[in-house]
Amino acid sequence: MHDHLTGHEHKAPQLFQISAAPYQKPHDHHTQFLVGLDVGSTTVKATVVDAATDQILWQDYQRHETKQPEKALEFLRRMEAETGINRHNTRMFMTGSGGGGIAEQIGAKFVQEVTAVSLAVEKLHPEVYSVIELGGQDAKIIVFKDDDETGRKKKIPSMNDKCAGGTGAVIDKINAKLKIPTAELALQGYHGIKLHKVAGKCGVLPRLISTACRRSERLLTSSWPRSSRQSCCRT
């Protein structure tokens, strides 16, 4: 894969090329792998799936530290080296806030993230009728309703992209003050934890919570959605 950057010849087919020219699907293409690449506001997630069996062959999830293209390129190189994907045997789909521009450069099909989540839920969890997805800097809610006329489900999405309150970025900031180790952060419980009343209308103000509270109480109180905060986000 590195050879297309250095100019040396390489016999193996390349997965992608950095070029301003429109990508064209090779005539001898045979889909063996499906790749999903999510370039979000704070992280990059990717998976390689066997097209015939839907078996997950490779997956990873890393922070990109504001370097979306660089981290996406690193993932592509690793996927090519470790699974053998290339432009002759792979179909690639991209989503996320940083996926649009990158998709054009590597011949991937861009799928809006709410659509991507909806498609995945309909296929993998058809019994589910509501989804809440907290991203790095926004929150999405998708409600599914049965359509008696078509026999299919209607999707009613709602997205809050005006305020990062309660999302991954805010949890990161809160945890930076609480200093909870990353390994313990995902184990913080919700049941039986006291929620302290916060006299504020924004996710920024919970930092004023007394340091006398337990760390788990402060984390949950600060990140928990509140109706006042939702009102603030709509303005």
Foldseek 3Di string as FASTA:
>chain_A
DCCLVVVDDDDAAAAFAQDPDFDDQDPLAAAQWEKEWEQAPFKIKIWIAGPVPRHTDDIDMGTPVRPRVVVVVVVRVCCCVPPVDHSRHYAYEYEYPPTPVVCRRGVHHYDYPVRVVVVCCCVPPVVDAKDWDAAQQKIKIWGWDQDPVVRGIDIDMDIQNQGRALHNNLLVVLCVVVVDDPVCPVVQDDPPADADDFPDQALVRLVPPDPVDDSSNSSCNSNPDDPSVVVVSVD
